[in-house]
Amino acid sequence: MSEHKLETRIIKPVKSLRGEIFVPGDKSISHRSIMLGSLAEGTTRVSGFLMGEDNLSTWKAFESMGIDIRQTGQTELEIDGKGLDGLSEPGNVLDCGNSGTTMRLMSGLLAGQSFFSVLTGDQYLRRRPMKRVFTPLNAMGARIWGRDGGERAPLAIQGTDLRPTTYASPVASAQVKSAILLAGLSVEGQTTVTEPHLSRDHSERMLAYFGAEVRPFTGGVSLVGRPHLAAQEVLIPGDISSAAFFMVAGLVTPGAELLIRNVGINPTRSGIIDILTAMGGQIELLDLREQSGEPVADVLVRYSRLKGIEIGGDVVPRAIDEFPVVSVAAALAEGTTIIRDAEELRVKETDRIAAMVSELGKLGAQVEARRDGMVIKGVEQLKGGKVSSCGDHRIAMSLAVAALSADGPVSIEDTACTETSFPNFWQILEGAGEG
């Protein structure tokens, strides 16, 4: 996959935001629909699939391992699954692009296969830490090698027979937990993961939906290995991480009212709603329902006078991807917001703490970095200026939200990265803006 070209966009302030919008399908669930659809027996039909670059990396990887995947509509797929032992050795290196989810989850899945594989990615992914996944996989008997003592990709994996494990993860990470559970699919016996806080549980929900025996308990989850996975119909809801940009945009833009349709509100992901409500945001959840094992609702947001709060503890892993746009809300709130317990932000696509401190600062925000978060003093209005996404899709979109109510245009450099998670973000943003 080619590295992104440097694309610059100029975002002008808007008078207000109105209307109904649909955000793309959930990125996490889209990845897992391909993985489990490939390992199930029969044809899985998926609708609402996110056609972003990260998910396409997962799609191409499974095609390289002999799985037939067909696009049958704009966001519809059919996956001809071949069962737990149906993947075949890829003839080439598997390119994960910019997707940490693809690389980390597939490390677990491939560790228990009967063949050799190599995973690589773009310049940003090759810098991200991988050892947190290998430590538990190695305890299961996995044979994985990487650069920098196994810390960095490319990764070479010689599939082998694994043994059950009980792993106490030092971090609340859905990627670590999911990699272990996917490795556990190939193991006779029970695999157990505990974590300090509950991380997102899409893997557990989808494994159970496809027929695996999943046993959640307070502080962790167990999986019984060698299940029979059967093909399913998977309806993927809109991604709450994508909806978050429009939630914040609606709350901080005077006179705004936005209805965001069909959003996944999984309790392990809905920390953003709790944070923004605690800041005084007017958010209503309408038409609550369940789709393919996931809770879904329509989200109505209205302009609100936000107040600074302290954010830490259990809510952090439930909103970890949303902190760049939370920092925008905090920059425009009355008073001081303190974000702590969020050191995980330093090992995302970029160091998101450093990036938001630097780039919001260029727009007149008062943001101070802490080792595990930020201290943000709200200002009345942000200024126009020049900023950079630092190659990170969530930073790019957060800065666009900040620009909507600035006192002049904001030029954002390197915006093509938004293709990884939200391909039509700029068109939806433009369509919602008034003036």
Protein backbone atom coordinates (compact mmCIF):
# COMPACT_ATOMS: atom_id res chain seq x y z
CA MET A 1 0.00 0.00 0.00
CA SER A 2 1.42 3.40 -0.94
CA GLU A 3 2.14 6.02 1.72
CA HIS A 4 -0.40 8.89 1.83
CA LYS A 5 0.18 11.92 -0.39
CA LEU A 6 0.26 15.22 1.50
CA GLU A 7 -3.17 16.75 0.90
CA THR A 8 -4.12 20.08 2.47
CA ARG A 9 -7.69 21.23 3.20
CA ILE A 10 -8.90 24.63 4.32
CA ILE A 11 -11.88 24.56 6.70
CA LYS A 12 -13.84 27.79 7.09
CA PRO A 13 -15.97 28.63 10.12
CA VAL A 14 -19.70 27.86 9.78
CA LYS A 15 -22.72 29.78 11.10
CA SER A 16 -24.28 26.53 12.32
CA LEU A 17 -24.72 22.78 11.69
CA ARG A 18 -28.08 21.14 10.95
CA GLY A 19 -29.51 17.95 9.58
CA GLU A 20 -29.48 14.15 9.68
CA ILE A 21 -26.30 12.24 8.94
CA PHE A 22 -25.17 8.64 8.66
CA VAL A 23 -21.60 7.77 9.65
CA PRO A 24 -19.74 4.80 8.13
CA GLY A 25 -19.92 1.31 9.62
CA ASP A 26 -17.98 0.51 12.77
CA LYS A 27 -14.32 -0.08 11.94
CA SER A 28 -13.69 -2.57 14.77
CA ILE A 29 -16.75 -4.66 13.91
CA SER A 30 -15.92 -4.54 10.17
CA HIS A 31 -12.45 -6.03 10.82
CA ARG A 32 -13.93 -8.80 12.95
CA SER A 33 -16.70 -9.60 10.44
CA ILE A 34 -14.05 -10.54 7.84
CA MET A 35 -11.94 -12.51 10.34
CA LEU A 36 -14.79 -14.54 11.84
CA GLY A 37 -16.65 -14.83 8.53
CA SER A 38 -13.49 -16.42 7.09
CA LEU A 39 -13.16 -18.87 10.00
CA ALA A 40 -16.87 -19.81 10.01
CA GLU A 41 -18.35 -22.53 7.81
CA GLY A 42 -20.65 -21.28 5.05
CA THR A 43 -21.35 -17.88 3.48
CA THR A 44 -21.51 -14.91 5.86
CA ARG A 45 -23.37 -11.85 4.56
CA VAL A 46 -22.25 -8.48 5.92
CA SER A 47 -23.99 -5.11 5.52
CA GLY A 48 -22.75 -1.72 6.72
CA PHE A 49 -19.10 -2.71 6.12
CA LEU A 50 -16.65 0.21 6.36
CA MET A 51 -14.84 0.50 3.02
CA GLY A 52 -11.93 2.36 4.64
CA GLU A 53 -8.28 1.53 4.00
CA ASP A 54 -7.78 -0.21 7.37
CA ASN A 55 -10.61 -2.67 6.75
CA LEU A 56 -9.56 -3.20 3.14
CA SER A 57 -6.14 -4.28 4.50
CA THR A 58 -7.88 -7.03 6.49
CA TRP A 59 -9.98 -7.99 3.45
CA LYS A 60 -6.90 -8.31 1.19
CA ALA A 61 -5.01 -10.33 3.81
CA PHE A 62 -7.76 -12.96 4.00
CA GLU A 63 -8.07 -13.09 0.21
CA SER A 64 -4.31 -13.80 0.19
CA MET A 65 -5.03 -16.79 2.45
CA GLY A 66 -7.56 -18.31 0.04
CA ILE A 67 -10.84 -16.79 1.24
CA ASP A 68 -13.35 -15.68 -1.42
CA ILE A 69 -14.83 -12.27 -0.47
CA ARG A 70 -17.27 -10.52 -2.84
CA GLN A 71 -18.65 -6.99 -2.68
CA THR A 72 -22.39 -7.25 -3.43
CA GLY A 73 -23.42 -3.63 -2.77
CA GLN A 74 -22.00 -0.29 -1.62
CA THR A 75 -21.39 -1.59 1.93
CA GLU A 76 -22.37 -5.26 1.46
CA LEU A 77 -20.07 -8.31 1.33
CA GLU A 78 -20.32 -12.06 1.08
CA ILE A 79 -17.54 -14.13 2.69
CA ASP A 80 -17.19 -17.83 1.88
CA GLY A 81 -15.81 -19.16 5.15
CA LYS A 82 -13.70 -22.32 5.25
CA GLY A 83 -13.74 -23.18 8.96
CA LEU A 84 -11.07 -22.88 11.65
CA ASP A 85 -8.47 -24.81 9.63
CA GLY A 86 -9.40 -23.56 6.16
CA LEU A 87 -6.87 -20.74 5.66
CA SER A 88 -3.92 -21.45 3.34
CA GLU A 89 -0.34 -20.15 3.47
CA PRO A 90 -0.07 -16.76 1.72
CA GLY A 91 2.34 -16.56 -1.22
CA ASN A 92 3.50 -13.08 -0.24
CA VAL A 93 3.97 -10.76 2.72
CA LEU A 94 0.61 -9.59 4.20
CA ASP A 95 0.41 -5.76 4.12
CA CYS A 96 -1.61 -4.38 7.04
CA GLY A 97 -1.32 -0.79 5.76
CA ASN A 98 -1.90 1.60 8.69
CA SER A 99 -4.06 -0.83 10.66
CA GLY A 100 -2.84 -1.82 14.11
CA THR A 101 -6.02 -3.87 14.56
CA THR A 102 -5.24 -5.96 11.46
CA MET A 103 -1.66 -6.62 12.56
CA ARG A 104 -2.29 -7.34 16.24
CA LEU A 105 -5.43 -9.48 15.83
CA MET A 106 -3.97 -11.44 12.93
CA SER A 107 -0.82 -12.13 14.98
CA GLY A 108 -3.02 -14.08 17.38
CA LEU A 109 -5.06 -15.75 14.68
CA LEU A 110 -2.01 -16.77 12.61
CA ALA A 111 0.00 -18.01 15.60
CA GLY A 112 -2.20 -21.13 15.80
CA GLN A 113 -2.34 -21.88 12.06
CA SER A 114 -0.29 -24.60 10.35
CA PHE A 115 1.75 -22.28 8.10
CA PHE A 116 4.32 -19.47 7.90
CA SER A 117 3.33 -15.82 7.36
CA VAL A 118 4.87 -12.34 7.46
CA LEU A 119 3.01 -9.15 8.44
CA THR A 120 4.16 -5.63 7.57
CA GLY A 121 2.57 -2.17 7.28
CA ASP A 122 3.15 1.45 6.36
CA GLN A 123 5.83 3.71 7.88
CA TYR A 124 3.58 4.59 10.85
CA LEU A 125 2.51 1.03 11.66
CA ARG A 126 6.11 -0.23 11.50
CA ARG A 127 6.89 2.15 14.40
CA ARG A 128 4.08 0.97 16.69
CA PRO A 129 4.67 -1.39 19.66
CA MET A 130 3.84 -5.07 19.13
CA LYS A 131 5.47 -6.80 22.11
CA ARG A 132 2.36 -6.33 24.29
CA VAL A 133 0.67 -8.87 21.98
CA PHE A 134 3.62 -11.27 21.73
CA THR A 135 4.21 -11.64 25.46
CA PRO A 136 0.90 -13.50 26.03
CA LEU A 137 1.10 -15.30 22.66
CA ASN A 138 4.60 -16.53 23.48
CA ALA A 139 3.22 -17.88 26.77
CA MET A 140 0.83 -19.97 24.62
CA GLY A 141 3.82 -21.36 22.67
CA ALA A 142 3.65 -18.99 19.67
CA ARG A 143 6.70 -18.55 17.43
CA ILE A 144 6.85 -14.88 16.37
CA TRP A 145 9.84 -12.71 15.43
CA GLY A 146 10.08 -8.99 14.70
CA ARG A 147 12.47 -6.07 14.51
CA ASP A 148 13.81 -4.49 17.69
CA GLY A 149 13.52 -7.74 19.67
CA GLY A 150 9.95 -8.36 18.53
CA GLU A 151 8.73 -4.84 19.34
CA ARG A 152 8.31 -3.65 15.73
CA ALA A 153 7.01 -4.96 12.39
CA PRO A 154 7.65 -6.62 10.00
CA LEU A 155 6.67 -9.74 11.96
CA ALA A 156 7.39 -13.33 10.95
CA ILE A 157 5.03 -15.97 12.35
CA GLN A 158 5.55 -19.73 12.18
CA GLY A 159 2.16 -21.19 13.06
CA THR A 160 2.25 -23.99 15.61
CA ASP A 161 0.14 -25.92 18.13
CA LEU A 162 -0.66 -23.54 21.00
CA ARG A 163 -1.58 -24.31 24.60
CA PRO A 164 -4.30 -22.71 26.74
CA THR A 165 -3.34 -19.72 28.89
CA THR A 166 -4.69 -17.49 31.63
CA TYR A 167 -3.22 -14.03 31.01
CA ALA A 168 -3.51 -11.00 33.30
CA SER A 169 -3.09 -8.10 30.89
CA PRO A 170 -1.39 -5.05 32.45
CA VAL A 171 -3.27 -2.78 30.01
CA ALA A 172 -6.96 -2.57 29.10
CA SER A 173 -6.55 -3.20 25.38
CA ALA A 174 -9.14 -4.79 23.09
CA GLN A 175 -6.37 -5.58 20.60
CA VAL A 176 -4.33 -7.53 23.15
CA LYS A 177 -7.42 -9.34 24.46
CA SER A 178 -8.71 -10.11 20.95
CA ALA A 179 -5.34 -11.44 19.75
CA ILE A 180 -5.30 -13.91 22.68
CA LEU A 181 -8.93 -14.97 22.12
CA LEU A 182 -8.34 -15.48 18.38
CA ALA A 183 -5.26 -17.58 19.19
CA GLY A 184 -7.46 -19.47 21.66
CA LEU A 185 -9.81 -20.55 18.85
CA SER A 186 -7.18 -23.07 17.70
CA VAL A 187 -6.47 -24.44 21.19
CA GLU A 188 -8.07 -27.47 22.87
CA GLY A 189 -9.16 -26.14 26.25
CA GLN A 190 -10.01 -22.76 27.78
CA THR A 191 -8.18 -19.45 27.19
CA THR A 192 -8.74 -16.66 29.75
CA VAL A 193 -7.81 -12.96 29.74
CA THR A 194 -8.22 -10.53 32.65
CA GLU A 195 -7.68 -6.74 32.42
CA PRO A 196 -7.48 -3.80 34.83
CA HIS A 197 -10.56 -2.16 33.20
CA LEU A 198 -13.00 -3.64 30.70
CA SER A 199 -11.85 -2.82 27.14
CA ARG A 200 -14.19 -2.91 24.13
CA ASP A 201 -15.88 -6.29 23.77
CA HIS A 202 -16.72 -6.54 20.05
CA SER A 203 -14.63 -9.72 19.69
CA GLU A 204 -16.46 -11.49 22.51
CA ARG A 205 -19.89 -10.44 21.19
CA MET A 206 -19.13 -11.50 17.63
CA LEU A 207 -17.47 -14.78 18.67
CA ALA A 208 -20.63 -15.63 20.64
CA TYR A 209 -22.84 -14.52 17.71
CA PHE A 210 -20.95 -16.93 15.40
CA GLY A 211 -21.40 -19.77 17.90
CA ALA A 212 -18.29 -19.82 20.12
CA GLU A 213 -18.64 -20.50 23.85
CA VAL A 214 -17.63 -17.19 25.43
CA ARG A 215 -17.74 -16.80 29.23
CA PRO A 216 -17.49 -13.16 30.40
CA PHE A 217 -16.91 -12.56 34.11
CA THR A 218 -16.12 -9.53 36.25
CA GLY A 219 -12.63 -8.41 35.20
CA GLY A 220 -12.20 -10.72 32.21
CA VAL A 221 -13.41 -13.30 29.71
CA SER A 222 -12.83 -16.98 28.86
CA LEU A 223 -13.19 -18.75 25.52
CA VAL A 224 -13.56 -22.50 24.96
CA GLY A 225 -11.30 -23.48 22.05
CA ARG A 226 -12.05 -25.41 18.83
CA PRO A 227 -15.67 -24.16 18.50
CA HIS A 228 -17.83 -24.79 15.46
CA LEU A 229 -18.33 -21.32 13.95
CA ALA A 230 -21.33 -21.04 11.61
CA ALA A 231 -21.87 -18.35 8.95
CA GLN A 232 -24.15 -15.45 9.97
CA GLU A 233 -25.88 -12.31 8.72
CA VAL A 234 -23.94 -9.38 10.21
CA LEU A 235 -25.50 -5.89 10.33
CA ILE A 236 -22.75 -3.43 11.25
CA PRO A 237 -23.88 -0.23 13.03
CA GLY A 238 -22.37 3.21 12.45
CA ASP A 239 -19.04 3.74 14.21
CA ILE A 240 -19.36 5.72 17.46
CA SER A 241 -15.74 6.88 16.99
CA SER A 242 -16.79 8.49 13.70
CA ALA A 243 -20.03 9.82 15.20
CA ALA A 244 -17.96 11.44 18.00
CA PHE A 245 -16.63 14.13 15.63
CA PHE A 246 -20.19 15.21 14.80
CA MET A 247 -21.33 14.93 18.43
CA VAL A 248 -18.63 17.41 19.47
CA ALA A 249 -19.21 19.57 16.38
CA GLY A 250 -22.92 19.79 17.25
CA LEU A 251 -22.23 20.65 20.90
CA VAL A 252 -19.64 23.40 20.28
CA THR A 253 -21.15 25.14 17.20
CA PRO A 254 -23.73 27.79 18.21
CA GLY A 255 -27.29 26.95 17.17
CA ALA A 256 -26.36 23.47 15.92
CA GLU A 257 -28.71 20.47 15.97
CA LEU A 258 -27.60 17.16 14.41
CA LEU A 259 -29.28 13.73 14.31
CA ILE A 260 -26.73 10.95 13.78
CA ARG A 261 -28.54 7.79 12.64
CA ASN A 262 -27.81 4.13 13.44
CA VAL A 263 -24.85 4.51 15.83
CA GLY A 264 -23.40 1.56 17.77
CA ILE A 265 -23.63 2.38 21.50
CA ASN A 266 -21.83 -0.67 22.90
CA PRO A 267 -21.27 0.13 26.62
CA THR A 268 -17.54 -0.65 26.29
CA ARG A 269 -17.33 2.07 23.60
CA SER A 270 -19.82 4.72 24.75
CA GLY A 271 -17.49 6.58 27.12
CA ILE A 272 -17.63 9.56 24.75
CA ILE A 273 -21.36 9.98 25.51
CA ASP A 274 -20.72 9.82 29.27
CA ILE A 275 -17.86 12.35 29.02
CA LEU A 276 -19.77 14.87 26.88
CA THR A 277 -22.93 14.53 29.03
CA ALA A 278 -20.83 15.16 32.16
CA MET A 279 -19.51 18.32 30.47
CA GLY A 280 -23.11 19.52 30.09
CA GLY A 281 -23.72 18.35 26.53
CA GLN A 282 -27.33 17.85 25.40
CA ILE A 283 -27.31 14.33 23.93
CA GLU A 284 -30.41 12.15 23.45
CA LEU A 285 -30.43 8.47 22.46
CA LEU A 286 -33.49 7.63 20.35
CA ASP A 287 -34.93 4.30 19.09
CA LEU A 288 -32.63 1.99 21.11
CA ARG A 289 -32.38 -1.48 19.50
CA GLU A 290 -30.06 -4.48 19.02
CA GLN A 291 -28.42 -5.63 15.75
CA SER A 292 -26.21 -8.74 15.40
CA GLY A 293 -25.47 -8.77 19.12
CA GLU A 294 -24.63 -5.01 19.33
CA PRO A 295 -26.76 -2.21 20.88
CA VAL A 296 -27.67 0.62 18.45
CA ALA A 297 -29.45 4.01 18.67
CA ASP A 298 -29.98 7.32 16.85
CA VAL A 299 -28.03 10.13 18.58
CA LEU A 300 -29.45 13.69 18.74
CA VAL A 301 -27.05 16.49 19.78
CA ARG A 302 -27.75 20.20 20.31
CA TYR A 303 -25.43 23.14 20.95
CA SER A 304 -24.55 23.33 24.64
CA ARG A 305 -22.41 25.47 26.93
CA LEU A 306 -19.83 22.86 27.96
CA LYS A 307 -17.96 22.92 31.28
CA GLY A 308 -14.51 21.56 32.12
CA ILE A 309 -14.38 18.29 34.09
CA GLU A 310 -11.85 15.73 35.31
CA ILE A 311 -11.66 12.59 33.13
CA GLY A 312 -9.90 9.41 34.28
CA GLY A 313 -10.30 5.82 35.47
CA ASP A 314 -12.79 3.36 33.98
CA VAL A 315 -14.15 5.74 31.31
CA VAL A 316 -10.75 6.09 29.58
CA PRO A 317 -10.57 2.69 27.78
CA ARG A 318 -14.25 3.18 26.84
CA ALA A 319 -13.34 6.37 24.95
CA ILE A 320 -9.66 5.96 24.10
CA ASP A 321 -10.04 6.72 20.36
CA GLU A 322 -12.19 9.77 21.02
CA PHE A 323 -9.73 11.77 23.16
CA PRO A 324 -8.43 13.91 20.27
CA VAL A 325 -11.95 15.30 19.70
CA VAL A 326 -12.66 15.37 23.47
CA SER A 327 -9.67 17.73 23.74
CA VAL A 328 -11.39 20.02 21.17
CA ALA A 329 -14.57 20.04 23.30
CA ALA A 330 -12.44 20.83 26.37
CA ALA A 331 -10.63 23.67 24.56
CA LEU A 332 -14.02 25.36 23.98
CA ALA A 333 -15.53 24.54 27.39
CA GLU A 334 -15.80 26.91 30.34
CA GLY A 335 -13.11 26.19 32.96
CA THR A 336 -10.40 23.53 33.10
CA THR A 337 -10.52 19.92 31.91
CA ILE A 338 -8.00 17.40 33.27
CA ILE A 339 -7.47 14.16 31.33
CA ARG A 340 -5.50 11.44 33.17
CA ASP A 341 -4.89 7.65 32.93
CA ALA A 342 -4.68 8.00 29.13
CA GLU A 343 -1.00 7.13 28.48
CA GLU A 344 -2.28 4.67 25.83
CA LEU A 345 -2.75 7.76 23.60
CA ARG A 346 1.02 7.98 23.22
CA VAL A 347 1.23 4.71 21.23
CA LYS A 348 -1.61 5.23 18.72
CA GLU A 349 -1.09 6.13 15.03
CA THR A 350 0.95 9.00 16.45
CA ASP A 351 1.56 10.31 19.99
CA ARG A 352 -1.92 11.81 20.24
CA ILE A 353 -1.17 13.75 23.44
CA ALA A 354 1.83 15.52 21.87
CA ALA A 355 -0.04 16.06 18.59
CA MET A 356 -3.14 17.67 20.13
CA VAL A 357 -1.06 19.86 22.48
CA SER A 358 1.01 21.10 19.53
CA GLU A 359 -1.75 21.55 16.94
CA LEU A 360 -4.53 22.93 19.16
CA GLY A 361 -1.92 25.31 20.60
CA LYS A 362 -1.44 26.75 17.10
CA LEU A 363 -5.16 27.64 17.13
CA GLY A 364 -4.91 29.50 20.44
CA ALA A 365 -5.96 26.70 22.79
CA GLN A 366 -4.36 26.47 26.23
CA VAL A 367 -3.28 22.82 26.39
CA GLU A 368 -0.54 21.37 28.59
CA ALA A 369 0.80 17.83 28.19
CA ARG A 370 1.00 15.41 31.09
CA ARG A 371 2.66 12.00 30.90
CA ASP A 372 -0.74 10.30 30.96
CA GLY A 373 -3.00 13.02 29.54
CA MET A 374 -3.57 16.77 29.27
CA VAL A 375 -4.70 19.85 31.17
CA ILE A 376 -6.89 22.06 28.97
CA LYS A 377 -8.11 25.55 29.92
CA GLY A 378 -11.13 26.52 27.85
CA VAL A 379 -11.09 29.64 25.67
CA GLU A 380 -14.03 31.64 24.27
CA GLN A 381 -13.04 31.02 20.65
CA LEU A 382 -10.21 29.34 18.75
CA LYS A 383 -8.19 31.19 16.10
CA GLY A 384 -7.65 30.42 12.44
CA GLY A 385 -4.22 29.12 11.45
CA LYS A 386 -2.15 26.32 9.95
CA VAL A 387 -2.02 22.86 11.52
CA SER A 388 -1.02 19.30 10.59
CA SER A 389 -2.72 15.94 11.10
CA CYS A 390 0.68 14.33 11.84
CA GLY A 391 -0.51 11.54 9.50
CA ASP A 392 -3.25 10.52 11.97
CA HIS A 393 -6.87 10.32 10.76
CA ARG A 394 -8.40 11.15 14.16
CA ILE A 395 -6.16 14.21 14.62
CA ALA A 396 -7.15 15.46 11.12
CA MET A 397 -10.89 15.16 11.82
CA SER A 398 -10.60 16.63 15.34
CA LEU A 399 -8.82 19.70 13.95
CA ALA A 400 -11.60 20.06 11.35
CA VAL A 401 -14.16 20.15 14.19
CA ALA A 402 -12.05 22.78 15.98
CA ALA A 403 -12.00 24.86 12.78
CA LEU A 404 -15.81 25.07 12.49
CA SER A 405 -16.12 27.70 15.22
CA ALA A 406 -12.70 29.39 14.89
CA ASP A 407 -12.43 33.11 14.09
CA GLY A 408 -10.97 32.42 10.63
CA PRO A 409 -10.05 29.62 8.19
CA VAL A 410 -7.90 26.71 9.38
CA SER A 411 -5.52 25.03 6.93
CA ILE A 412 -4.99 21.32 7.78
CA GLU A 413 -2.02 19.59 6.16
CA ASP A 414 -1.99 15.84 5.40
CA THR A 415 -5.71 15.05 5.38
CA ALA A 416 -5.76 12.03 3.04
CA CYS A 417 -5.23 9.84 6.14
CA THR A 418 -8.96 10.17 6.93
CA GLU A 419 -9.52 7.49 4.25
CA THR A 420 -8.41 4.88 6.80
CA SER A 421 -11.60 5.20 8.88
CA PHE A 422 -14.03 7.76 7.40
CA PRO A 423 -13.79 7.99 3.60
CA ASN A 424 -16.59 10.55 3.12
CA PHE A 425 -15.93 12.70 6.22
CA TRP A 426 -15.25 15.93 4.33
CA GLN A 427 -18.40 15.64 2.19
CA ILE A 428 -20.61 14.99 5.24
CA LEU A 429 -18.99 17.87 7.13
CA GLU A 430 -19.62 20.22 4.21
CA GLY A 431 -23.21 19.01 3.84
CA ALA A 432 -24.02 19.68 7.51
CA GLY A 433 -22.54 23.19 7.58
CA GLU A 434 -24.68 26.31 7.22
CA GLY A 435 -23.08 29.46 5.82
